[in-house]
């Protein structure tokens, strides 16, 4: 997942090249400042974009269209392999705004939901707005779990964690848990996801 800075806005192709060269199948981006809702195909990725709100926010999800996510034997005699790649028709956007996107992938041998969000720091937005954003995330997770589907949550949560530990949060490199962190912590305890990177 990538938080886009102003100097990166005009270098999307370079960023795509870097991810492609690193064999990255799925990329999520926040603060893209996209000017429209659109779906397009670039050299390497299917791009799904949600527009910003007057230049604030903007979300994108990139799904690699060439890199095989699965190789299966096509013929046991010749040992030829069938290379499975993600097609545009495998992807469906369930909901989106300038601060979130929920996209599902239904492809051979993989059923996966991807949620990416950008939640503002609690020092710049009132707590009610932040609480509503987290509630929306919680609702999406509940819908996905009700269908027994696998899912990945990515984003910029502006959530400091670690000073309060639990079965979901360790005390490795702890930070004082902030307001965003406290809500995120409660969601983790409820749904038991795994945090790969902090904040």
N, C-alpha and C. Protein backbone atom coordinates (compact mmCIF):
# COMPACT_ATOMS: atom_id res chain seq x y z
N UNK A 1 0.84 -1.18 0.00
CA UNK A 1 0.00 0.00 0.00
C UNK A 1 0.88 1.24 0.00
N UNK A 2 0.47 2.27 -0.73
CA UNK A 2 1.30 3.45 -0.92
C UNK A 2 0.48 4.70 -0.64
N UNK A 3 1.05 5.59 0.17
CA UNK A 3 0.46 6.92 0.39
C UNK A 3 1.15 7.87 -0.57
N UNK A 4 0.38 8.43 -1.51
CA UNK A 4 0.95 9.25 -2.58
C UNK A 4 1.28 10.65 -2.07
N UNK A 5 2.50 11.07 -2.29
CA UNK A 5 2.93 12.43 -1.96
C UNK A 5 2.87 13.28 -3.22
N UNK A 6 2.81 14.62 -3.09
CA UNK A 6 2.67 15.48 -4.26
C UNK A 6 3.72 15.23 -5.34
N UNK A 7 4.97 14.94 -4.96
CA UNK A 7 6.00 14.75 -5.96
C UNK A 7 5.87 13.42 -6.70
N UNK A 8 4.98 12.52 -6.20
CA UNK A 8 4.76 11.24 -6.86
C UNK A 8 3.58 11.27 -7.81
N UNK A 9 2.77 12.30 -7.74
CA UNK A 9 1.51 12.35 -8.49
C UNK A 9 1.72 12.20 -9.99
N UNK A 10 2.78 12.78 -10.52
CA UNK A 10 3.02 12.76 -11.96
C UNK A 10 3.95 11.64 -12.39
N UNK A 11 4.24 10.70 -11.48
CA UNK A 11 5.18 9.63 -11.80
C UNK A 11 4.53 8.26 -11.68
N UNK A 12 3.24 8.17 -12.00
CA UNK A 12 2.54 6.90 -11.86
C UNK A 12 3.18 5.81 -12.72
N UNK A 13 3.59 6.13 -13.93
CA UNK A 13 4.17 5.11 -14.80
C UNK A 13 5.47 4.57 -14.21
N UNK A 14 6.27 5.45 -13.64
CA UNK A 14 7.51 5.00 -13.00
C UNK A 14 7.21 4.10 -11.80
N UNK A 15 6.17 4.46 -11.04
CA UNK A 15 5.78 3.64 -9.89
C UNK A 15 5.30 2.27 -10.37
N UNK A 16 4.49 2.25 -11.44
CA UNK A 16 4.03 0.98 -11.98
C UNK A 16 5.19 0.11 -12.42
N UNK A 17 6.20 0.72 -13.05
CA UNK A 17 7.39 -0.02 -13.48
C UNK A 17 8.08 -0.66 -12.28
N UNK A 18 8.20 0.09 -11.20
CA UNK A 18 8.87 -0.41 -10.00
C UNK A 18 8.12 -1.60 -9.40
N UNK A 19 6.80 -1.48 -9.31
CA UNK A 19 6.02 -2.58 -8.76
C UNK A 19 6.04 -3.80 -9.68
N UNK A 20 5.96 -3.55 -10.97
CA UNK A 20 6.03 -4.65 -11.93
C UNK A 20 7.36 -5.38 -11.82
N UNK A 21 8.44 -4.64 -11.74
CA UNK A 21 9.78 -5.25 -11.64
C UNK A 21 9.96 -6.00 -10.34
N UNK A 22 9.13 -5.67 -9.34
CA UNK A 22 9.20 -6.36 -8.05
C UNK A 22 8.19 -7.50 -7.95
N UNK A 23 7.50 -7.80 -9.04
CA UNK A 23 6.51 -8.88 -9.10
C UNK A 23 5.38 -8.68 -8.07
N UNK A 24 4.85 -7.47 -8.01
CA UNK A 24 3.75 -7.15 -7.10
C UNK A 24 2.43 -7.32 -7.84
N UNK A 25 1.56 -8.20 -7.31
CA UNK A 25 0.28 -8.46 -7.96
C UNK A 25 -0.76 -7.38 -7.68
N UNK A 26 -0.82 -6.91 -6.43
CA UNK A 26 -1.87 -5.98 -6.01
C UNK A 26 -1.25 -4.78 -5.31
N UNK A 27 -1.64 -3.58 -5.76
CA UNK A 27 -1.15 -2.34 -5.18
C UNK A 27 -2.35 -1.50 -4.77
N UNK A 28 -2.30 -0.93 -3.57
CA UNK A 28 -3.35 0.00 -3.14
C UNK A 28 -2.71 1.35 -2.84
N UNK A 29 -3.39 2.42 -3.22
CA UNK A 29 -2.85 3.77 -3.06
C UNK A 29 -3.88 4.69 -2.42
N UNK A 30 -3.40 5.58 -1.57
CA UNK A 30 -4.25 6.59 -0.94
C UNK A 30 -3.72 7.98 -1.27
N UNK A 31 -4.59 8.97 -1.14
CA UNK A 31 -4.24 10.36 -1.42
C UNK A 31 -3.74 10.55 -2.85
N UNK A 32 -4.40 9.91 -3.80
CA UNK A 32 -3.98 9.99 -5.19
C UNK A 32 -4.39 11.31 -5.85
N UNK A 33 -5.39 11.98 -5.26
CA UNK A 33 -5.94 13.22 -5.83
C UNK A 33 -6.48 13.02 -7.24
N UNK A 34 -7.01 11.82 -7.49
CA UNK A 34 -7.58 11.51 -8.81
C UNK A 34 -8.73 12.46 -9.12
N UNK A 35 -8.85 12.84 -10.38
CA UNK A 35 -9.86 13.81 -10.78
C UNK A 35 -11.18 13.19 -11.21
N UNK A 36 -11.21 11.86 -11.31
CA UNK A 36 -12.45 11.21 -11.76
C UNK A 36 -12.49 9.77 -11.28
N UNK A 37 -13.70 9.22 -11.30
CA UNK A 37 -13.86 7.78 -11.09
C UNK A 37 -13.65 7.10 -12.43
N UNK A 38 -12.75 6.17 -12.50
CA UNK A 38 -12.52 5.52 -13.79
C UNK A 38 -11.87 4.15 -13.60
N UNK A 39 -11.98 3.37 -14.65
CA UNK A 39 -11.30 2.08 -14.74
C UNK A 39 -10.55 2.06 -16.06
N UNK A 40 -9.28 1.74 -15.99
CA UNK A 40 -8.49 1.72 -17.21
C UNK A 40 -7.45 0.62 -17.12
N UNK A 41 -6.82 0.35 -18.22
CA UNK A 41 -5.77 -0.66 -18.27
C UNK A 41 -4.48 0.01 -18.69
N UNK A 42 -3.44 -0.13 -17.87
CA UNK A 42 -2.13 0.41 -18.20
C UNK A 42 -1.28 -0.72 -18.77
N UNK A 43 -0.01 -0.47 -18.95
CA UNK A 43 0.87 -1.47 -19.54
C UNK A 43 0.87 -2.75 -18.72
N UNK A 44 0.88 -2.64 -17.40
CA UNK A 44 1.00 -3.80 -16.54
C UNK A 44 -0.22 -4.06 -15.65
N UNK A 45 -1.02 -3.03 -15.37
CA UNK A 45 -2.05 -3.16 -14.35
C UNK A 45 -3.43 -2.77 -14.84
N UNK A 46 -4.44 -3.44 -14.28
CA UNK A 46 -5.81 -2.94 -14.33
C UNK A 46 -5.92 -1.91 -13.21
N UNK A 47 -6.35 -0.70 -13.54
CA UNK A 47 -6.38 0.41 -12.58
C UNK A 47 -7.82 0.78 -12.27
N UNK A 48 -8.16 0.81 -10.97
CA UNK A 48 -9.49 1.20 -10.50
C UNK A 48 -9.32 2.42 -9.62
N UNK A 49 -9.95 3.52 -10.00
CA UNK A 49 -9.70 4.81 -9.36
C UNK A 49 -10.98 5.43 -8.83
N UNK A 50 -10.89 5.98 -7.61
CA UNK A 50 -11.99 6.73 -7.01
C UNK A 50 -11.54 8.17 -6.83
N UNK A 51 -12.30 9.11 -7.33
CA UNK A 51 -11.86 10.50 -7.40
C UNK A 51 -11.76 11.15 -6.03
N UNK A 52 -10.93 12.17 -5.95
CA UNK A 52 -10.76 12.94 -4.73
C UNK A 52 -11.96 13.85 -4.51
N UNK A 53 -12.05 14.43 -3.35
CA UNK A 53 -13.10 15.39 -3.02
C UNK A 53 -12.48 16.78 -3.01
N UNK A 54 -12.63 17.49 -4.13
CA UNK A 54 -12.02 18.83 -4.27
C UNK A 54 -10.52 18.79 -4.00
N UNK A 55 -9.87 17.78 -4.55
CA UNK A 55 -8.42 17.68 -4.41
C UNK A 55 -7.94 17.00 -3.15
N UNK A 56 -8.87 16.54 -2.31
CA UNK A 56 -8.52 15.86 -1.07
C UNK A 56 -8.84 14.37 -1.20
N UNK A 57 -7.91 13.52 -0.83
CA UNK A 57 -8.13 12.08 -0.88
C UNK A 57 -7.92 11.51 -2.26
N UNK A 58 -8.70 10.51 -2.58
CA UNK A 58 -8.52 9.76 -3.83
C UNK A 58 -7.90 8.41 -3.53
N UNK A 59 -8.49 7.36 -4.11
CA UNK A 59 -8.06 5.98 -3.85
C UNK A 59 -7.87 5.25 -5.18
N UNK A 60 -6.85 4.40 -5.24
CA UNK A 60 -6.69 3.53 -6.41
C UNK A 60 -6.28 2.13 -5.97
N UNK A 61 -6.74 1.14 -6.73
CA UNK A 61 -6.28 -0.24 -6.59
C UNK A 61 -5.79 -0.70 -7.95
N UNK A 62 -4.59 -1.26 -7.97
CA UNK A 62 -4.00 -1.79 -9.20
C UNK A 62 -3.92 -3.31 -9.09
N UNK A 63 -4.38 -4.00 -10.13
CA UNK A 63 -4.32 -5.46 -10.19
C UNK A 63 -3.48 -5.84 -11.41
N UNK A 64 -2.41 -6.59 -11.19
CA UNK A 64 -1.50 -6.93 -12.29
C UNK A 64 -2.20 -7.81 -13.31
N UNK A 65 -2.06 -7.48 -14.58
CA UNK A 65 -2.76 -8.21 -15.63
C UNK A 65 -1.87 -9.22 -16.37
N UNK A 66 -0.56 -9.18 -16.14
CA UNK A 66 0.36 -10.07 -16.86
C UNK A 66 1.03 -11.09 -15.95
N UNK A 67 1.28 -10.74 -14.72
CA UNK A 67 2.02 -11.60 -13.80
C UNK A 67 1.12 -12.76 -13.35
N UNK A 68 1.49 -14.00 -13.62
CA UNK A 68 0.65 -15.14 -13.22
C UNK A 68 0.52 -15.23 -11.70
N UNK A 69 -0.69 -15.42 -11.23
CA UNK A 69 -0.89 -15.65 -9.80
C UNK A 69 -0.97 -17.14 -9.49
N UNK A 70 -1.08 -17.96 -10.56
CA UNK A 70 -1.15 -19.41 -10.38
C UNK A 70 -0.67 -20.09 -11.65
N UNK A 71 0.12 -21.14 -11.48
CA UNK A 71 0.55 -21.98 -12.59
C UNK A 71 0.08 -23.40 -12.32
N UNK A 72 -0.63 -23.95 -13.26
CA UNK A 72 -1.12 -25.33 -13.10
C UNK A 72 -0.70 -26.16 -14.30
N UNK A 73 -0.47 -27.45 -14.07
CA UNK A 73 -0.06 -28.34 -15.14
C UNK A 73 -1.21 -28.56 -16.11
N UNK A 74 -0.92 -28.31 -17.36
CA UNK A 74 -1.94 -28.46 -18.40
C UNK A 74 -1.95 -29.87 -18.97
N UNK A 75 -0.76 -30.48 -19.04
CA UNK A 75 -0.61 -31.80 -19.63
C UNK A 75 0.44 -32.56 -18.84
N UNK A 76 0.07 -33.67 -18.24
CA UNK A 76 1.01 -34.43 -17.42
C UNK A 76 2.11 -35.07 -18.25
N UNK A 77 1.87 -35.22 -19.55
CA UNK A 77 2.89 -35.84 -20.40
C UNK A 77 3.93 -34.82 -20.86
N UNK A 78 3.47 -33.65 -21.26
CA UNK A 78 4.39 -32.63 -21.77
C UNK A 78 4.87 -31.68 -20.69
N UNK A 79 4.19 -31.72 -19.54
CA UNK A 79 4.53 -30.82 -18.42
C UNK A 79 4.36 -29.35 -18.76
N UNK A 80 3.48 -29.08 -19.74
CA UNK A 80 3.17 -27.69 -20.04
C UNK A 80 2.34 -27.10 -18.90
N UNK A 81 2.53 -25.81 -18.65
CA UNK A 81 1.82 -25.16 -17.56
C UNK A 81 0.81 -24.15 -18.09
N UNK A 82 -0.32 -24.09 -17.42
CA UNK A 82 -1.33 -23.10 -17.73
C UNK A 82 -1.13 -21.92 -16.78
N UNK A 83 -0.86 -20.75 -17.32
CA UNK A 83 -0.57 -19.56 -16.53
C UNK A 83 -1.86 -18.76 -16.32
N UNK A 84 -2.25 -18.62 -15.05
CA UNK A 84 -3.47 -17.87 -14.73
C UNK A 84 -3.10 -16.43 -14.38
N UNK A 85 -3.75 -15.48 -15.05
CA UNK A 85 -3.54 -14.07 -14.76
C UNK A 85 -4.89 -13.42 -14.47
N UNK A 86 -4.86 -12.27 -13.80
CA UNK A 86 -6.09 -11.57 -13.47
C UNK A 86 -6.62 -10.82 -14.70
N UNK A 87 -7.89 -11.03 -14.98
CA UNK A 87 -8.58 -10.35 -16.07
C UNK A 87 -9.46 -9.23 -15.50
N UNK A 88 -9.77 -8.28 -16.34
CA UNK A 88 -10.63 -7.18 -15.92
C UNK A 88 -11.97 -7.71 -15.41
N UNK A 89 -12.51 -8.73 -16.06
CA UNK A 89 -13.82 -9.24 -15.67
C UNK A 89 -13.79 -10.01 -14.35
N UNK A 90 -12.60 -10.28 -13.83
CA UNK A 90 -12.50 -10.93 -12.52
C UNK A 90 -12.74 -9.94 -11.37
N UNK A 91 -12.70 -8.65 -11.68
CA UNK A 91 -12.71 -7.62 -10.63
C UNK A 91 -14.04 -6.87 -10.59
N UNK A 92 -14.50 -6.60 -9.38
CA UNK A 92 -15.76 -5.90 -9.21
C UNK A 92 -15.65 -4.93 -8.04
N UNK A 93 -16.05 -3.67 -8.26
CA UNK A 93 -16.04 -2.66 -7.20
C UNK A 93 -17.40 -2.66 -6.51
N UNK A 94 -17.39 -2.91 -5.21
CA UNK A 94 -18.63 -2.92 -4.43
C UNK A 94 -18.99 -1.53 -3.92
N UNK A 95 -17.99 -0.78 -3.47
CA UNK A 95 -18.23 0.57 -2.98
C UNK A 95 -16.94 1.36 -3.04
N UNK A 96 -17.08 2.69 -3.11
CA UNK A 96 -15.88 3.54 -3.14
C UNK A 96 -16.26 4.96 -2.78
N UNK A 97 -15.27 5.70 -2.31
CA UNK A 97 -15.40 7.12 -2.04
C UNK A 97 -14.00 7.70 -2.16
N UNK A 98 -13.83 8.98 -1.80
CA UNK A 98 -12.50 9.57 -1.87
C UNK A 98 -11.60 9.06 -0.74
N UNK A 99 -12.19 8.25 0.18
CA UNK A 99 -11.41 7.74 1.31
C UNK A 99 -11.43 6.23 1.45
N UNK A 100 -12.10 5.51 0.54
CA UNK A 100 -12.07 4.06 0.64
C UNK A 100 -12.42 3.43 -0.70
N UNK A 101 -12.07 2.14 -0.83
CA UNK A 101 -12.53 1.34 -1.95
C UNK A 101 -12.60 -0.12 -1.51
N UNK A 102 -13.67 -0.78 -1.91
CA UNK A 102 -13.86 -2.22 -1.66
C UNK A 102 -14.00 -2.90 -3.01
N UNK A 103 -13.03 -3.74 -3.33
CA UNK A 103 -12.99 -4.44 -4.61
C UNK A 103 -12.86 -5.93 -4.36
N UNK A 104 -13.58 -6.73 -5.11
CA UNK A 104 -13.46 -8.18 -4.99
C UNK A 104 -12.88 -8.77 -6.26
N UNK A 105 -12.15 -9.86 -6.09
CA UNK A 105 -11.60 -10.62 -7.20
C UNK A 105 -12.20 -12.02 -7.17
N UNK A 106 -12.82 -12.41 -8.27
CA UNK A 106 -13.35 -13.77 -8.43
C UNK A 106 -12.72 -14.36 -9.67
N UNK A 107 -11.63 -15.08 -9.47
CA UNK A 107 -10.86 -15.67 -10.56
C UNK A 107 -10.67 -17.15 -10.27
N UNK A 108 -10.25 -17.94 -11.25
CA UNK A 108 -10.03 -19.37 -11.00
C UNK A 108 -9.09 -19.60 -9.82
N UNK A 109 -9.57 -20.35 -8.85
CA UNK A 109 -8.80 -20.76 -7.66
C UNK A 109 -8.56 -19.64 -6.66
N UNK A 110 -9.16 -18.47 -6.86
CA UNK A 110 -8.99 -17.40 -5.87
C UNK A 110 -10.24 -16.54 -5.78
N UNK A 111 -10.71 -16.37 -4.55
CA UNK A 111 -11.83 -15.48 -4.23
C UNK A 111 -11.32 -14.56 -3.13
N UNK A 112 -11.15 -13.29 -3.44
CA UNK A 112 -10.49 -12.39 -2.51
C UNK A 112 -11.13 -11.01 -2.53
N UNK A 113 -11.34 -10.43 -1.35
CA UNK A 113 -11.82 -9.05 -1.25
C UNK A 113 -10.68 -8.17 -0.76
N UNK A 114 -10.58 -6.97 -1.34
CA UNK A 114 -9.54 -6.01 -0.98
C UNK A 114 -10.23 -4.73 -0.51
N UNK A 115 -9.86 -4.28 0.67
CA UNK A 115 -10.38 -3.03 1.20
C UNK A 115 -9.19 -2.11 1.44
N UNK A 116 -9.25 -0.91 0.90
CA UNK A 116 -8.20 0.07 1.22
C UNK A 116 -8.86 1.37 1.66
N UNK A 117 -8.29 1.99 2.68
CA UNK A 117 -8.90 3.18 3.26
C UNK A 117 -7.83 4.22 3.59
N UNK A 118 -8.28 5.45 3.70
CA UNK A 118 -7.44 6.52 4.25
C UNK A 118 -8.26 7.23 5.31
N UNK A 119 -7.78 7.17 6.55
CA UNK A 119 -8.47 7.79 7.67
C UNK A 119 -7.60 8.93 8.20
N UNK A 120 -8.20 10.09 8.33
CA UNK A 120 -7.45 11.29 8.69
C UNK A 120 -6.94 11.20 10.13
N UNK A 121 -5.83 11.91 10.43
CA UNK A 121 -5.35 11.97 11.82
C UNK A 121 -6.37 12.63 12.72
N UNK A 122 -6.42 12.19 13.98
CA UNK A 122 -7.45 12.72 14.87
C UNK A 122 -7.20 14.17 15.27
N UNK A 123 -6.03 14.72 14.96
CA UNK A 123 -5.81 16.12 15.30
C UNK A 123 -6.35 17.07 14.22
N UNK A 124 -6.75 16.51 13.06
CA UNK A 124 -7.24 17.36 11.98
C UNK A 124 -8.74 17.19 11.72
N UNK A 125 -9.33 16.13 12.20
CA UNK A 125 -10.76 15.90 11.99
C UNK A 125 -11.42 15.59 13.33
N UNK A 126 -12.72 15.90 13.41
CA UNK A 126 -13.40 15.59 14.67
C UNK A 126 -13.60 14.09 14.81
N UNK A 127 -13.76 13.68 16.05
CA UNK A 127 -13.82 12.25 16.35
C UNK A 127 -15.04 11.57 15.76
N UNK A 128 -16.13 12.29 15.60
CA UNK A 128 -17.33 11.68 15.04
C UNK A 128 -17.11 11.26 13.60
N UNK A 129 -16.45 12.09 12.81
CA UNK A 129 -16.15 11.74 11.41
C UNK A 129 -15.25 10.52 11.33
N UNK A 130 -14.24 10.48 12.19
CA UNK A 130 -13.32 9.35 12.19
C UNK A 130 -14.06 8.08 12.61
N UNK A 131 -14.90 8.19 13.62
CA UNK A 131 -15.67 7.04 14.08
C UNK A 131 -16.55 6.50 12.97
N UNK A 132 -17.15 7.39 12.18
CA UNK A 132 -18.01 6.96 11.07
C UNK A 132 -17.20 6.24 9.99
N UNK A 133 -15.97 6.70 9.74
CA UNK A 133 -15.12 6.02 8.77
C UNK A 133 -14.78 4.61 9.22
N UNK A 134 -14.42 4.46 10.49
CA UNK A 134 -14.11 3.14 11.01
C UNK A 134 -15.36 2.25 11.04
N UNK A 135 -16.52 2.84 11.30
CA UNK A 135 -17.76 2.07 11.30
C UNK A 135 -18.04 1.53 9.91
N UNK A 136 -17.78 2.33 8.89
CA UNK A 136 -17.95 1.87 7.51
C UNK A 136 -17.03 0.69 7.23
N UNK A 137 -15.77 0.79 7.68
CA UNK A 137 -14.83 -0.32 7.51
C UNK A 137 -15.33 -1.57 8.22
N UNK A 138 -15.81 -1.41 9.44
CA UNK A 138 -16.33 -2.53 10.21
C UNK A 138 -17.50 -3.19 9.50
N UNK A 139 -18.39 -2.39 8.92
CA UNK A 139 -19.55 -2.93 8.21
C UNK A 139 -19.12 -3.74 6.99
N UNK A 140 -18.13 -3.24 6.25
CA UNK A 140 -17.65 -3.96 5.07
C UNK A 140 -17.04 -5.30 5.48
N UNK A 141 -16.24 -5.29 6.54
CA UNK A 141 -15.62 -6.54 7.01
C UNK A 141 -16.70 -7.55 7.40
N UNK A 142 -17.73 -7.08 8.10
CA UNK A 142 -18.80 -7.99 8.51
C UNK A 142 -19.50 -8.61 7.30
N UNK A 143 -19.74 -7.81 6.26
CA UNK A 143 -20.38 -8.34 5.06
C UNK A 143 -19.53 -9.41 4.40
N UNK A 144 -18.22 -9.17 4.35
CA UNK A 144 -17.31 -10.14 3.72
C UNK A 144 -17.24 -11.42 4.54
N UNK A 145 -17.11 -11.28 5.86
CA UNK A 145 -17.01 -12.46 6.72
C UNK A 145 -18.29 -13.28 6.69
N UNK A 146 -19.42 -12.60 6.52
CA UNK A 146 -20.70 -13.30 6.43
C UNK A 146 -20.72 -14.23 5.22
N UNK A 147 -19.96 -13.87 4.19
CA UNK A 147 -19.90 -14.69 2.97
C UNK A 147 -18.74 -15.70 3.02
N UNK A 148 -18.01 -15.72 4.15
CA UNK A 148 -16.88 -16.63 4.33
C UNK A 148 -15.82 -16.46 3.24
N UNK A 149 -15.54 -15.22 2.90
CA UNK A 149 -14.52 -14.93 1.90
C UNK A 149 -13.24 -14.45 2.58
N UNK A 150 -12.12 -14.69 1.91
CA UNK A 150 -10.85 -14.16 2.38
C UNK A 150 -10.77 -12.68 2.02
N UNK A 151 -10.04 -11.90 2.85
CA UNK A 151 -9.95 -10.48 2.58
C UNK A 151 -8.62 -9.92 3.06
N UNK A 152 -8.24 -8.80 2.45
CA UNK A 152 -7.05 -8.05 2.82
C UNK A 152 -7.48 -6.62 3.11
N UNK A 153 -7.01 -6.07 4.22
CA UNK A 153 -7.28 -4.67 4.56
C UNK A 153 -5.96 -3.91 4.46
N UNK A 154 -5.94 -2.83 3.69
CA UNK A 154 -4.76 -1.99 3.58
C UNK A 154 -5.18 -0.54 3.78
N UNK A 155 -4.21 0.33 4.00
CA UNK A 155 -4.55 1.74 4.07
C UNK A 155 -3.63 2.53 4.97
N UNK A 156 -3.95 3.78 5.07
CA UNK A 156 -3.28 4.71 5.98
C UNK A 156 -4.31 5.06 7.04
N UNK A 157 -4.14 4.46 8.23
CA UNK A 157 -5.13 4.61 9.29
C UNK A 157 -4.79 5.73 10.26
N UNK A 158 -3.55 6.25 10.16
CA UNK A 158 -3.08 7.24 11.14
C UNK A 158 -3.37 6.75 12.56
N UNK A 159 -3.10 5.47 12.79
CA UNK A 159 -3.42 4.83 14.06
C UNK A 159 -2.14 4.40 14.76
N UNK A 160 -1.84 5.01 15.89
CA UNK A 160 -0.70 4.62 16.70
C UNK A 160 -1.13 3.54 17.68
N UNK A 161 -0.33 2.48 17.76
CA UNK A 161 -0.67 1.32 18.57
C UNK A 161 0.55 0.83 19.33
N UNK A 162 0.32 0.01 20.35
CA UNK A 162 1.42 -0.66 21.04
C UNK A 162 1.49 -0.42 22.53
N UNK A 163 1.04 0.74 22.99
CA UNK A 163 1.10 1.02 24.42
C UNK A 163 0.08 0.18 25.20
N UNK A 164 -0.99 -0.24 24.52
CA UNK A 164 -1.98 -1.15 25.10
C UNK A 164 -1.94 -2.44 24.29
N UNK A 165 -1.57 -3.54 24.93
CA UNK A 165 -1.39 -4.80 24.20
C UNK A 165 -2.62 -5.70 24.36
N UNK A 166 -2.70 -6.69 23.48
CA UNK A 166 -3.79 -7.66 23.51
C UNK A 166 -3.37 -8.83 22.65
N UNK A 167 -4.30 -9.73 22.40
CA UNK A 167 -4.01 -10.85 21.50
C UNK A 167 -3.79 -10.38 20.07
N UNK A 168 -4.22 -9.15 19.77
CA UNK A 168 -4.07 -8.61 18.41
C UNK A 168 -2.90 -7.65 18.29
N UNK A 169 -2.46 -7.06 19.40
CA UNK A 169 -1.41 -6.05 19.37
C UNK A 169 -0.28 -6.45 20.31
N UNK A 170 0.94 -6.48 19.76
CA UNK A 170 2.11 -6.77 20.59
C UNK A 170 2.72 -5.45 21.06
N UNK A 171 3.74 -5.56 21.89
CA UNK A 171 4.42 -4.35 22.38
C UNK A 171 5.74 -4.11 21.65
N UNK A 172 5.85 -4.66 20.45
CA UNK A 172 7.06 -4.43 19.64
C UNK A 172 7.00 -3.03 19.02
N UNK A 173 8.04 -2.24 19.26
CA UNK A 173 8.10 -0.85 18.79
C UNK A 173 6.81 -0.10 19.13
N UNK A 174 6.43 -0.06 20.40
CA UNK A 174 5.14 0.52 20.78
C UNK A 174 5.10 2.04 20.63
N UNK A 175 3.91 2.54 20.33
CA UNK A 175 3.62 3.97 20.36
C UNK A 175 2.39 4.16 21.23
N UNK A 176 2.25 5.35 21.79
CA UNK A 176 1.09 5.62 22.62
C UNK A 176 -0.18 5.54 21.78
N UNK A 177 -1.08 4.68 22.18
CA UNK A 177 -2.30 4.46 21.40
C UNK A 177 -3.13 5.74 21.33
N UNK A 178 -3.41 6.19 20.11
CA UNK A 178 -4.18 7.41 19.90
C UNK A 178 -5.66 7.06 19.70
N UNK A 179 -6.48 8.07 19.40
CA UNK A 179 -7.92 7.84 19.22
C UNK A 179 -8.15 6.87 18.06
N UNK A 180 -7.50 7.13 16.92
CA UNK A 180 -7.64 6.22 15.78
C UNK A 180 -7.19 4.81 16.16
N UNK A 181 -6.09 4.74 16.91
CA UNK A 181 -5.56 3.45 17.32
C UNK A 181 -6.52 2.68 18.20
N UNK A 182 -7.22 3.38 19.08
CA UNK A 182 -8.15 2.70 19.99
C UNK A 182 -9.31 2.08 19.23
N UNK A 183 -9.83 2.78 18.20
CA UNK A 183 -10.93 2.23 17.41
C UNK A 183 -10.43 1.07 16.56
N UNK A 184 -9.26 1.26 15.95
CA UNK A 184 -8.69 0.18 15.14
C UNK A 184 -8.43 -1.06 15.98
N UNK A 185 -7.95 -0.85 17.20
CA UNK A 185 -7.68 -1.97 18.11
C UNK A 185 -8.96 -2.75 18.39
N UNK A 186 -10.05 -2.06 18.61
CA UNK A 186 -11.31 -2.74 18.91
C UNK A 186 -11.80 -3.53 17.70
N UNK A 187 -11.59 -2.98 16.49
CA UNK A 187 -11.98 -3.71 15.28
C UNK A 187 -11.13 -4.96 15.11
N UNK A 188 -9.85 -4.85 15.44
CA UNK A 188 -8.97 -6.02 15.34
C UNK A 188 -9.39 -7.11 16.31
N UNK A 189 -9.74 -6.73 17.53
CA UNK A 189 -10.19 -7.72 18.50
C UNK A 189 -11.49 -8.38 18.05
N UNK A 190 -12.31 -7.63 17.35
CA UNK A 190 -13.60 -8.15 16.89
C UNK A 190 -13.44 -9.13 15.73
N UNK A 191 -12.54 -8.80 14.79
CA UNK A 191 -12.43 -9.60 13.57
C UNK A 191 -11.14 -10.41 13.49
N UNK A 192 -10.20 -10.13 14.38
CA UNK A 192 -8.95 -10.90 14.48
C UNK A 192 -8.12 -10.89 13.20
N UNK A 193 -7.93 -9.74 12.55
CA UNK A 193 -7.02 -9.69 11.40
C UNK A 193 -5.57 -9.63 11.87
N UNK A 194 -4.66 -9.76 10.94
CA UNK A 194 -3.22 -9.73 11.23
C UNK A 194 -2.64 -8.42 10.70
N UNK A 195 -1.99 -7.66 11.55
CA UNK A 195 -1.32 -6.44 11.11
C UNK A 195 0.07 -6.81 10.60
N UNK A 196 0.35 -6.45 9.36
CA UNK A 196 1.66 -6.72 8.77
C UNK A 196 2.59 -5.53 8.96
N UNK A 197 2.08 -4.32 8.76
CA UNK A 197 2.84 -3.11 9.03
C UNK A 197 1.99 -2.19 9.89
N UNK A 198 2.65 -1.40 10.69
CA UNK A 198 1.93 -0.55 11.63
C UNK A 198 1.45 0.74 11.03
N UNK A 199 0.81 1.57 11.88
CA UNK A 199 0.28 2.88 11.53
C UNK A 199 -0.72 2.78 10.40
